[in-house]
PDB file of N, CA and C in Angstrom:
ATOM      1  N   MET A   1       4.358 -23.511  -7.549  1.00  0.00           N
ATOM      2  CA  MET A   1       4.535 -21.877  -8.049  1.00  0.00           C
ATOM      3  C   MET A   1       4.592 -21.186  -6.849  1.00  0.00           C
ATOM      4  N   LYS A   2       5.608 -20.198  -6.899  1.00  0.00           N
ATOM      5  CA  LYS A   2       5.511 -19.109  -5.988  1.00  0.00           C
ATOM      6  C   LYS A   2       4.581 -18.077  -6.234  1.00  0.00           C
ATOM      7  N   ALA A   3       3.838 -17.523  -5.145  1.00  0.00           N
ATOM      8  CA  ALA A   3       2.519 -16.519  -5.379  1.00  0.00           C
ATOM      9  C   ALA A   3       3.440 -15.253  -5.456  1.00  0.00           C
ATOM     10  N   LEU A   4       3.010 -14.619  -6.252  1.00  0.00           N
ATOM     11  CA  LEU A   4       3.238 -13.069  -6.534  1.00  0.00           C
ATOM     12  C   LEU A   4       2.514 -12.089  -5.692  1.00  0.00           C
ATOM     13  N   LEU A   5       3.312 -11.382  -4.832  1.00  0.00           N
ATOM     14  CA  LEU A   5       2.778 -10.505  -3.837  1.00  0.00           C
ATOM     15  C   LEU A   5       2.923  -9.015  -4.100  1.00  0.00           C
ATOM     16  N   LEU A   6       1.509  -8.448  -4.209  1.00  0.00           N
ATOM     17  CA  LEU A   6       1.598  -6.998  -5.020  1.00  0.00           C
ATOM     18  C   LEU A   6       1.416  -5.797  -3.646  1.00  0.00           C
ATOM     19  N   THR A   7       1.956  -4.573  -3.927  1.00  0.00           N
ATOM     20  CA  THR A   7       1.794  -3.724  -3.060  1.00  0.00           C
ATOM     21  C   THR A   7       0.378  -3.163  -3.375  1.00  0.00           C
ATOM     22  N   ILE A   8      -0.091  -2.072  -2.423  1.00  0.00           N
ATOM     23  CA  ILE A   8      -1.182  -1.681  -2.764  1.00  0.00           C
ATOM     24  C   ILE A   8      -1.225  -0.841  -4.059  1.00  0.00           C
ATOM     25  N   ASP A   9      -0.253   0.148  -4.271  1.00  0.00           N
ATOM     26  CA  ASP A   9      -0.160   0.654  -5.663  1.00  0.00           C
ATOM     27  C   ASP A   9      -0.132  -0.218  -6.631  1.00  0.00           C
ATOM     28  N   GLN A  10       0.526  -1.293  -6.604  1.00  0.00           N
ATOM     29  CA  GLN A  10       0.549  -2.225  -7.819  1.00  0.00           C
ATOM     30  C   GLN A  10      -0.900  -2.762  -7.910  1.00  0.00           C
ATOM     31  N   LEU A  11      -1.695  -3.049  -6.976  1.00  0.00           N
ATOM     32  CA  LEU A  11      -2.997  -3.808  -6.959  1.00  0.00           C
ATOM     33  C   LEU A  11      -4.070  -2.736  -7.674  1.00  0.00           C
ATOM     34  N   ALA A  12      -3.685  -1.347  -7.140  1.00  0.00           N
ATOM     35  CA  ALA A  12      -4.719  -0.523  -7.589  1.00  0.00           C
ATOM     36  C   ALA A  12      -4.702  -0.284  -9.046  1.00  0.00           C
ATOM     37  N   ALA A  13      -3.213  -0.303  -9.658  1.00  0.00           N
ATOM     38  CA  ALA A  13      -3.152  -0.127 -10.941  1.00  0.00           C
ATOM     39  C   ALA A  13      -3.834  -1.615 -12.061  1.00  0.00           C
ATOM     40  N   ILE A  14      -3.393  -2.559 -11.326  1.00  0.00           N
ATOM     41  CA  ILE A  14      -4.220  -3.650 -12.168  1.00  0.00           C
ATOM     42  C   ILE A  14      -5.574  -3.809 -12.046  1.00  0.00           C
ATOM     43  N   LEU A  15      -6.108  -3.490 -10.997  1.00  0.00           N
ATOM     44  CA  LEU A  15      -7.581  -3.217 -10.887  1.00  0.00           C
ATOM     45  C   LEU A  15      -8.421  -2.233 -11.244  1.00  0.00           C
ATOM     46  N   GLN A  16      -7.706  -0.996 -11.467  1.00  0.00           N
ATOM     47  CA  GLN A  16      -7.989   0.012 -12.099  1.00  0.00           C
ATOM     48  C   GLN A  16      -9.060   0.681 -11.082  1.00  0.00           C
ATOM     49  N   ILE A  17      -8.734   0.857 -10.035  1.00  0.00           N
ATOM     50  CA  ILE A  17      -9.422   1.270  -8.464  1.00  0.00           C
ATOM     51  C   ILE A  17      -8.502   2.145  -7.770  1.00  0.00           C
ATOM     52  N   SER A  18      -9.018   3.144  -6.972  1.00  0.00           N
ATOM     53  CA  SER A  18      -8.243   3.794  -6.230  1.00  0.00           C
ATOM     54  C   SER A  18      -7.603   2.984  -4.890  1.00  0.00           C
ATOM     55  N   VAL A  19      -6.511   3.614  -4.518  1.00  0.00           N
ATOM     56  CA  VAL A  19      -5.672   3.038  -3.303  1.00  0.00           C
ATOM     57  C   VAL A  19      -6.605   2.872  -1.974  1.00  0.00           C
ATOM     58  N   LYS A  20      -7.348   4.354  -1.979  1.00  0.00           N
ATOM     59  CA  LYS A  20      -8.395   4.197  -0.846  1.00  0.00           C
ATOM     60  C   LYS A  20      -9.338   3.081  -0.614  1.00  0.00           C
ATOM     61  N   SER A  21      -9.951   2.688  -1.824  1.00  0.00           N
ATOM     62  CA  SER A  21     -10.829   1.484  -1.856  1.00  0.00           C
ATOM     63  C   SER A  21     -10.406   0.252  -1.532  1.00  0.00           C
ATOM     64  N   ILE A  22      -8.934   0.108  -2.146  1.00  0.00           N
ATOM     65  CA  ILE A  22      -8.180  -1.146  -1.406  1.00  0.00           C
ATOM     66  C   ILE A  22      -8.109  -1.045  -0.307  1.00  0.00           C
ATOM     67  N   ARG A  23      -7.566   0.063   0.509  1.00  0.00           N
ATOM     68  CA  ARG A  23      -7.477   0.077   1.759  1.00  0.00           C
ATOM     69  C   ARG A  23      -8.614  -0.325   2.648  1.00  0.00           C
ATOM     70  N   ARG A  24      -9.534   0.664   2.376  1.00  0.00           N
ATOM     71  CA  ARG A  24     -11.213   0.119   2.926  1.00  0.00           C
ATOM     72  C   ARG A  24     -11.472  -1.144   2.990  1.00  0.00           C
ATOM     73  N   ALA A  25     -11.542  -1.685   1.912  1.00  0.00           N
ATOM     74  CA  ALA A  25     -11.685  -3.126   1.570  1.00  0.00           C
ATOM     75  C   ALA A  25     -10.950  -4.149   2.546  1.00  0.00           C
ATOM     76  N   TYR A  26      -9.666  -4.031   2.494  1.00  0.00           N
ATOM     77  CA  TYR A  26      -8.821  -4.905   3.505  1.00  0.00           C
ATOM     78  C   TYR A  26      -9.171  -4.430   4.892  1.00  0.00           C
ATOM     79  N   ARG A  27      -9.234  -3.374   5.200  1.00  0.00           N
ATOM     80  CA  ARG A  27      -9.618  -3.169   6.791  1.00  0.00           C
ATOM     81  C   ARG A  27     -10.914  -3.877   7.080  1.00  0.00           C
ATOM     82  N   LYS A  28     -11.740  -3.611   6.114  1.00  0.00           N
ATOM     83  CA  LYS A  28     -13.258  -4.512   6.548  1.00  0.00           C
ATOM     84  C   LYS A  28     -13.099  -5.848   6.469  1.00  0.00           C
ATOM     85  N   GLY A  29     -12.208  -6.350   5.902  1.00  0.00           N
ATOM     86  CA  GLY A  29     -11.885  -8.043   5.573  1.00  0.00           C
ATOM     87  C   GLY A  29     -12.467  -8.594   4.458  1.00  0.00           C
ATOM     88  N   GLU A  30     -12.837  -7.455   3.580  1.00  0.00           N
ATOM     89  CA  GLU A  30     -13.623  -8.034   2.368  1.00  0.00           C
ATOM     90  C   GLU A  30     -12.606  -8.597   1.280  1.00  0.00           C
ATOM     91  N   ILE A  31     -11.138  -8.281   1.601  1.00  0.00           N
ATOM     92  CA  ILE A  31     -10.386  -8.946   0.405  1.00  0.00           C
ATOM     93  C   ILE A  31      -9.125  -9.487   1.578  1.00  0.00           C
ATOM     94  N   PRO A  32      -8.611 -10.580   1.255  1.00  0.00           N
ATOM     95  CA  PRO A  32      -7.315 -10.935   1.874  1.00  0.00           C
ATOM     96  C   PRO A  32      -6.367 -10.196   1.643  1.00  0.00           C
ATOM     97  N   VAL A  33      -5.466 -10.127   2.802  1.00  0.00           N
ATOM     98  CA  VAL A  33      -4.155  -9.371   2.914  1.00  0.00           C
ATOM     99  C   VAL A  33      -2.994 -10.609   3.669  1.00  0.00           C
ATOM    100  N   GLU A  34      -1.837 -10.024   3.133  1.00  0.00           N
ATOM    101  CA  GLU A  34      -0.627 -10.697   3.880  1.00  0.00           C
ATOM    102  C   GLU A  34      -0.092  -9.803   4.484  1.00  0.00           C
ATOM    103  N   ARG A  35       0.299 -10.059   5.677  1.00  0.00           N
ATOM    104  CA  ARG A  35       0.994  -9.051   6.595  1.00  0.00           C
ATOM    105  C   ARG A  35       2.466  -9.362   6.790  1.00  0.00           C
ATOM    106  N   ILE A  36       3.407  -8.697   6.341  1.00  0.00           N
ATOM    107  CA  ILE A  36       4.568  -8.996   6.419  1.00  0.00           C
ATOM    108  C   ILE A  36       5.525  -7.840   7.229  1.00  0.00           C
ATOM    109  N   CYS A  37       5.480  -8.205   8.445  1.00  0.00           N
ATOM    110  CA  CYS A  37       5.780  -6.966   9.641  1.00  0.00           C
ATOM    111  C   CYS A  37       5.004  -5.921   9.409  1.00  0.00           C
ATOM    112  N   ARG A  38       5.140  -4.812   9.057  1.00  0.00           N
ATOM    113  CA  ARG A  38       4.225  -3.745   9.169  1.00  0.00           C
ATOM    114  C   ARG A  38       3.775  -3.599   7.431  1.00  0.00           C
ATOM    115  N   PHE A  39       4.247  -4.209   6.742  1.00  0.00           N
ATOM    116  CA  PHE A  39       3.783  -4.165   5.323  1.00  0.00           C
ATOM    117  C   PHE A  39       2.766  -5.056   4.950  1.00  0.00           C
ATOM    118  N   VAL A  40       1.757  -4.479   4.161  1.00  0.00           N
ATOM    119  CA  VAL A  40       0.620  -5.382   3.629  1.00  0.00           C
ATOM    120  C   VAL A  40       0.721  -5.529   1.948  1.00  0.00           C
ATOM    121  N   ARG A  41       0.842  -6.787   1.759  1.00  0.00           N
ATOM    122  CA  ARG A  41       0.787  -7.283   0.369  1.00  0.00           C
ATOM    123  C   ARG A  41      -0.240  -8.097   0.033  1.00  0.00           C
ATOM    124  N   PHE A  42      -0.578  -8.219  -1.089  1.00  0.00           N
ATOM    125  CA  PHE A  42      -1.736  -8.971  -1.745  1.00  0.00           C
ATOM    126  C   PHE A  42      -1.405  -9.880  -2.693  1.00  0.00           C
ATOM    127  N   ASP A  43      -2.170 -11.035  -2.740  1.00  0.00           N
ATOM    128  CA  ASP A  43      -1.773 -12.033  -3.845  1.00  0.00           C
ATOM    129  C   ASP A  43      -3.089 -12.079  -4.730  1.00  0.00           C
ATOM    130  N   LEU A  44      -2.841 -11.743  -5.866  1.00  0.00           N
ATOM    131  CA  LEU A  44      -3.765 -11.117  -6.926  1.00  0.00           C
ATOM    132  C   LEU A  44      -4.854 -12.206  -7.214  1.00  0.00           C
ATOM    133  N   GLU A  45      -4.380 -13.585  -7.231  1.00  0.00           N
ATOM    134  CA  GLU A  45      -5.442 -14.622  -7.554  1.00  0.00           C
ATOM    135  C   GLU A  45      -6.368 -14.694  -6.372  1.00  0.00           C
ATOM    136  N   ARG A  46      -5.890 -14.719  -5.042  1.00  0.00           N
ATOM    137  CA  ARG A  46      -7.039 -14.554  -3.785  1.00  0.00           C
ATOM    138  C   ARG A  46      -7.895 -13.483  -3.662  1.00  0.00           C
ATOM    139  N   VAL A  47      -7.062 -12.056  -4.304  1.00  0.00           N
ATOM    140  CA  VAL A  47      -8.209 -10.973  -4.275  1.00  0.00           C
ATOM    141  C   VAL A  47      -9.014 -11.305  -5.240  1.00  0.00           C
ATOM    142  N   LYS A  48      -8.830 -11.752  -6.463  1.00  0.00           N
ATOM    143  CA  LYS A  48      -9.825 -12.121  -7.576  1.00  0.00           C
ATOM    144  C   LYS A  48     -10.786 -12.704  -7.048  1.00  0.00           C
ATOM    145  N   GLU A  49     -10.451 -13.869  -6.458  1.00  0.00           N
ATOM    146  CA  GLU A  49     -11.721 -14.753  -6.001  1.00  0.00           C
ATOM    147  C   GLU A  49     -12.470 -13.986  -4.972  1.00  0.00           C
ATOM    148  N   ALA A  50     -11.774 -13.359  -4.302  1.00  0.00           N
ATOM    149  CA  ALA A  50     -12.785 -12.805  -3.049  1.00  0.00           C
ATOM    150  C   ALA A  50     -13.671 -11.920  -3.739  1.00  0.00           C
ATOM    151  N   MET A  51     -12.998 -11.007  -4.703  1.00  0.00           N
ATOM    152  CA  MET A  51     -13.983 -10.138  -5.425  1.00  0.00           C
ATOM    153  C   MET A  51     -15.285 -10.950  -6.466  1.00  0.00           C
ATOM    154  N   GLN A  52     -14.813 -12.027  -6.778  1.00  0.00           N
ATOM    155  CA  GLN A  52     -15.868 -12.848  -7.654  1.00  0.00           C
ATOM    156  C   GLN A  52     -17.098 -12.926  -6.610  1.00  0.00           C
ATOM    157  N   GLY A  53     -17.214 -13.140  -5.400  1.00  0.00           N
ATOM    158  CA  GLY A  53     -18.287 -13.443  -4.945  1.00  0.00           C
ATOM    159  C   GLY A  53     -18.425 -12.837  -3.275  1.00  0.00           C
ATOM    160  N   ASN A  54     -17.394 -13.215  -2.515  1.00  0.00           N
ATOM    161  CA  ASN A  54     -17.290 -12.848  -1.098  1.00  0.00           C
ATOM    162  C   ASN A  54     -18.302 -13.707  -0.329  1.00  0.00           C
ATOM    163  N   GLY A  55     -18.914 -14.685  -0.995  1.00  0.00           N
ATOM    164  CA  GLY A  55     -20.095 -15.343  -0.531  1.00  0.00           C
ATOM    165  C   GLY A  55     -21.393 -14.708  -0.596  1.00  0.00           C
ATOM    166  N   HIS A  56     -21.550 -13.496  -1.120  1.00  0.00           N
ATOM    167  CA  HIS A  56     -22.886 -12.660  -1.239  1.00  0.00           C
ATOM    168  C   HIS A  56     -23.061 -12.545  -2.504  1.00  0.00           C
ATOM    169  N   GLY A  57     -22.376 -12.880  -3.628  1.00  0.00           N
ATOM    170  CA  GLY A  57     -22.552 -12.465  -5.202  1.00  0.00           C
ATOM    171  C   GLY A  57     -22.076 -11.200  -5.391  1.00  0.00           C
ATOM    172  N   GLN A  58     -21.331 -10.380  -4.573  1.00  0.00           N
ATOM    173  CA  GLN A  58     -21.358  -8.962  -4.882  1.00  0.00           C
ATOM    174  C   GLN A  58     -19.717  -8.680  -4.458  1.00  0.00           C
ATOM    175  N   SER A  59     -19.090  -7.949  -5.534  1.00  0.00           N
ATOM    176  CA  SER A  59     -17.625  -7.358  -5.231  1.00  0.00           C
ATOM    177  C   SER A  59     -17.768  -6.266  -4.044  1.00  0.00           C
ATOM    178  N   PRO A  60     -16.735  -6.487  -3.519  1.00  0.00           N
ATOM    179  CA  PRO A  60     -16.356  -5.253  -2.624  1.00  0.00           C
ATOM    180  C   PRO A  60     -16.163  -4.167  -3.074  1.00  0.00           C
ATOM    181  N   PHE A  61     -16.107  -4.035  -4.525  1.00  0.00           N
ATOM    182  CA  PHE A  61     -15.648  -2.712  -5.203  1.00  0.00           C
ATOM    183  C   PHE A  61     -16.865  -2.153  -5.962  1.00  0.00           C
ATOM    184  N   SER A  62     -17.915  -2.929  -5.828  1.00  0.00           N
ATOM    185  CA  SER A  62     -19.269  -2.717  -6.599  1.00  0.00           C
ATOM    186  C   SER A  62     -19.598  -1.204  -6.696  1.00  0.00           C
ATOM    187  N   THR A  63     -20.153  -0.724  -7.551  1.00  0.00           N
ATOM    188  CA  THR A  63     -20.526   0.764  -7.964  1.00  0.00           C
ATOM    189  C   THR A  63     -21.888   1.138  -7.558  1.00  0.00           C
ATOM    190  N   GLN A  64     -22.408   0.058  -7.035  1.00  0.00           N
ATOM    191  CA  GLN A  64     -23.968   0.186  -6.587  1.00  0.00           C
ATOM    192  C   GLN A  64     -24.193   1.067  -5.284  1.00  0.00           C
ATOM    193  N   LYS A  65     -25.079   1.988  -5.207  1.00  0.00           N
ATOM    194  CA  LYS A  65     -25.473   2.793  -3.999  1.00  0.00           C
ATOM    195  C   LYS A  65     -25.727   1.768  -3.035  1.00  0.00           C
ATOM    196  N   GLN A  66     -25.320   2.039  -1.824  1.00  0.00           N
ATOM    197  CA  GLN A  66     -25.433   1.319  -0.614  1.00  0.00           C
ATOM    198  C   GLN A  66     -26.163   2.071   0.290  1.00  0.00           C
ATOM    199  N   GLY A  67     -27.185   3.231  -0.066  1.00  0.00           N
ATOM    200  CA  GLY A  67     -28.004   4.098   0.903  1.00  0.00           C
ATOM    201  C   GLY A  67     -27.467   5.224   1.400  1.00  0.00           C
ATOM    202  N   PRO A  68     -28.031   6.016   2.208  1.00  0.00           N
ATOM    203  CA  PRO A  68     -27.402   7.098   2.678  1.00  0.00           C
ATOM    204  C   PRO A  68     -26.097   7.003   3.424  1.00  0.00           C
ATOM    205  N   ARG A  69     -25.478   7.876   3.685  1.00  0.00           N
ATOM    206  CA  ARG A  69     -24.044   8.075   4.465  1.00  0.00           C
ATOM    207  C   ARG A  69     -24.306   9.063   5.297  1.00  0.00           C
ATOM    208  N   SER A  70     -24.457   8.496   6.776  1.00  0.00           N
ATOM    209  CA  SER A  70     -24.430   9.426   7.735  1.00  0.00           C
ATOM    210  C   SER A  70     -23.907   8.808   9.026  1.00  0.00           C
ATOM    211  N   ALA A  71     -23.786   9.726  10.122  1.00  0.00           N
ATOM    212  CA  ALA A  71     -23.166   9.077  11.224  1.00  0.00           C
ATOM    213  C   ALA A  71     -23.959   8.188  11.939  1.00  0.00           C
ATOM    214  N   THR A  72     -23.124   7.236  12.721  1.00  0.00           N
ATOM    215  CA  THR A  72     -23.995   6.258  13.387  1.00  0.00           C
ATOM    216  C   THR A  72     -25.152   6.755  14.151  1.00  0.00           C
ATOM    217  N   GLY A  73     -26.163   5.857  14.229  1.00  0.00           N
ATOM    218  CA  GLY A  73     -27.332   6.557  14.890  1.00  0.00           C
ATOM    219  C   GLY A  73     -28.205   7.841  14.692  1.00  0.00           C
ATOM    220  N   GLY A  74     -27.675   8.281  13.633  1.00  0.00           N
ATOM    221  CA  GLY A  74     -28.549   9.662  13.191  1.00  0.00           C
ATOM    222  C   GLY A  74     -27.669  10.779  13.771  1.00  0.00           C
ATOM    223  N   ALA A  75     -26.577  10.558  14.557  1.00  0.00           N
ATOM    224  CA  ALA A  75     -26.004  11.730  15.393  1.00  0.00           C
ATOM    225  C   ALA A  75     -24.993  12.357  14.608  1.00  0.00           C
ATOM    226  N   SER A  76     -25.193  13.669  14.814  1.00  0.00           N
ATOM    227  CA  SER A  76     -24.304  14.921  13.510  1.00  0.00           C
ATOM    228  C   SER A  76     -23.168  14.840  14.243  1.00  0.00           C
ATOM    229  N   ARG A  77     -22.254  14.930  13.099  1.00  0.00           N
ATOM    230  CA  ARG A  77     -20.711  15.002  13.391  1.00  0.00           C
ATOM    231  C   ARG A  77     -20.331  16.348  13.361  1.00  0.00           C
ATOM    232  N   ARG A  78     -21.343  17.399  13.252  1.00  0.00           N
ATOM    233  CA  ARG A  78     -20.677  18.795  13.211  1.00  0.00           C
ATOM    234  C   ARG A  78     -20.506  19.240  14.830  1.00  0.00           C
ATOM    235  N   ARG A  79     -19.618  20.307  14.743  1.00  0.00           N
ATOM    236  CA  ARG A  79     -19.559  20.763  16.148  1.00  0.00           C
ATOM    237  C   ARG A  79     -20.621  21.742  16.470  1.00  0.00           C
ATOM    238  N   ALA A  80     -20.697  22.001  17.714  1.00  0.00           N
ATOM    239  CA  ALA A  80     -21.768  22.935  17.962  1.00  0.00           C
ATOM    240  C   ALA A  80     -21.644  24.369  17.826  1.00  0.00           C
ATOM    241  N   GLN A  81     -22.461  24.983  17.392  1.00  0.00           N
ATOM    242  CA  GLN A  81     -22.061  26.340  17.099  1.00  0.00           C
ATOM    243  C   GLN A  81     -22.468  27.477  18.109  1.00  0.00           C
ATOM    244  N   ARG A  82     -21.397  28.254  17.850  1.00  0.00           N
ATOM    245  CA  ARG A  82     -21.600  29.342  18.963  1.00  0.00           C
ATOM    246  C   ARG A  82     -22.785  30.078  19.179  1.00  0.00           C
ATOM    247  N   THR A  83     -23.198  30.535  20.411  1.00  0.00           N
ATOM    248  CA  THR A  83     -24.761  30.879  20.575  1.00  0.00           C
ATOM    249  C   THR A  83     -24.562  32.342  20.305  1.00  0.00           C
ATOM    250  N   ARG A  84     -23.298  33.170  20.487  1.00  0.00           N
ATOM    251  CA  ARG A  84     -23.382  34.393  20.110  1.00  0.00           C
ATOM    252  C   ARG A  84     -21.986  34.398  19.592  1.00  0.00           C
ATOM    253  N   PRO A  85     -21.725  35.775  18.842  1.00  0.00           N
ATOM    254  CA  PRO A  85     -20.395  35.934  18.195  1.00  0.00           C
ATOM    255  C   PRO A  85     -19.567  36.642  19.515  1.00  0.00           C
ATOM    256  N   ARG A  86     -18.261  36.563  19.258  1.00  0.00           N
ATOM    257  CA  ARG A  86     -17.384  37.038  20.164  1.00  0.00           C
ATOM    258  C   ARG A  86     -17.366  38.492  20.054  1.00  0.00           C
ATOM    259  N   LEU A  87     -17.297  39.279  21.216  1.00  0.00           N
ATOM    260  CA  LEU A  87     -17.203  40.535  21.073  1.00  0.00           C
ATOM    261  C   LEU A  87     -15.932  41.297  21.537  1.00  0.00           C
ATOM    262  N   GLY A  88     -15.120  41.537  20.911  1.00  0.00           N
ATOM    263  CA  GLY A  88     -14.068  42.297  21.222  1.00  0.00           C
ATOM    264  C   GLY A  88     -13.038  41.388  21.672  1.00  0.00           C
ATOM    265  N   LYS A  89     -12.335  41.947  23.049  1.00  0.00           N
ATOM    266  CA  LYS A  89     -11.458  41.186  23.589  1.00  0.00           C
ATOM    267  C   LYS A  89     -11.933  40.088  24.556  1.00  0.00           C
ATOM    268  N   THR A  90     -11.449  39.069  25.064  1.00  0.00           N
ATOM    269  CA  THR A  90     -11.848  38.067  25.973  1.00  0.00           C
ATOM    270  C   THR A  90     -10.742  37.654  27.137  1.00  0.00           C
ATOM    271  N   GLY A  91     -11.044  37.062  27.974  1.00  0.00           N
ATOM    272  CA  GLY A  91     -10.060  36.422  28.731  1.00  0.00           C
ATOM    273  C   GLY A  91      -8.906  37.251  28.881  1.00  0.00           C
ATOM    274  N   ALA A  92      -7.889  36.592  28.870  1.00  0.00           N
ATOM    275  CA  ALA A  92      -6.323  36.855  29.313  1.00  0.00           C
ATOM    276  C   ALA A  92      -5.794  38.134  28.384  1.00  0.00           C
ATOM    277  N   SER A  93      -6.470  38.388  27.302  1.00  0.00           N
ATOM    278  CA  SER A  93      -6.118  39.569  26.575  1.00  0.00           C
ATOM    279  C   SER A  93      -6.755  40.927  27.616  1.00  0.00           C
ATOM    280  N   ILE A  94      -7.806  40.694  28.090  1.00  0.00           N
ATOM    281  CA  ILE A  94      -8.150  41.841  28.655  1.00  0.00           C
ATOM    282  C   ILE A  94      -7.415  42.261  30.236  1.00  0.00           C
ATOM    283  N   ALA A  95      -6.903  41.124  30.507  1.00  0.00           N
ATOM    284  CA  ALA A  95      -5.818  41.340  31.799  1.00  0.00           C
ATOM    285  C   ALA A  95      -4.864  41.912  31.349  1.00  0.00           C
ATOM    286  N   ARG A  96      -4.394  41.607  30.147  1.00  0.00           N
ATOM    287  CA  ARG A  96      -3.028  42.301  29.961  1.00  0.00           C
ATOM    288  C   ARG A  96      -2.798  43.796  29.715  1.00  0.00           C
ATOM    289  N   THR A  97      -4.183  44.284  29.190  1.00  0.00           N
ATOM    290  CA  THR A  97      -4.253  45.742  28.640  1.00  0.00           C
ATOM    291  C   THR A  97      -4.460  46.467  29.957  1.00  0.00           C
ATOM    292  N   PRO A  98      -3.546  47.708  30.215  1.00  0.00           N
ATOM    293  CA  PRO A  98      -3.798  48.521  31.059  1.00  0.00           C
ATOM    294  C   PRO A  98      -5.082  49.426  31.220  1.00  0.00           C
ATOM    295  N   ARG A  99      -5.504  49.596  32.354  1.00  0.00           N
ATOM    296  CA  ARG A  99      -7.036  50.044  32.491  1.00  0.00           C
ATOM    297  C   ARG A  99      -6.443  51.651  32.284  1.00  0.00           C
ATOM    298  N   ARG A 100      -7.645  52.280  31.461  1.00  0.00           N
ATOM    299  CA  ARG A 100      -7.522  53.946  31.440  1.00  0.00           C
ATOM    300  C   ARG A 100      -8.267  54.473  32.994  1.00  0.00           C
ATOM    301  N   LYS A 101      -7.460  55.466  33.057  1.00  0.00           N
ATOM    302  CA  LYS A 101      -7.819  56.671  33.871  1.00  0.00           C
ATOM    303  C   LYS A 101      -8.591  57.568  33.559  1.00  0.00           C
ATOM    304  N   LYS A 102      -9.725  57.653  34.550  1.00  0.00           N
ATOM    305  CA  LYS A 102     -10.700  58.730  34.191  1.00  0.00           C
ATOM    306  C   LYS A 102     -10.327  60.075  34.907  1.00  0.00           C
TER     307      LYS A 102
END
């Protein structure tokens, strides 16, 4: 019997989970994926088998908390804040304006 290959949208509708969750799972290697050129397709039976256990007794789509989510090594991903506010014109805009004569 020929296997039925599903798109991401079709698989998301069948499993009733988001497309983002499916993308995350196949990129991590938690569910099997068939690559046809640049397209990804899923065999429903193989995906269900992977979800049943994955060798760890836990589905890749479980709703359990996995702990705090933060940047690797505790490093912050925020940009550094400016040390002082910008004051008026700066840089090239100063050079373009003519000077006042006294």
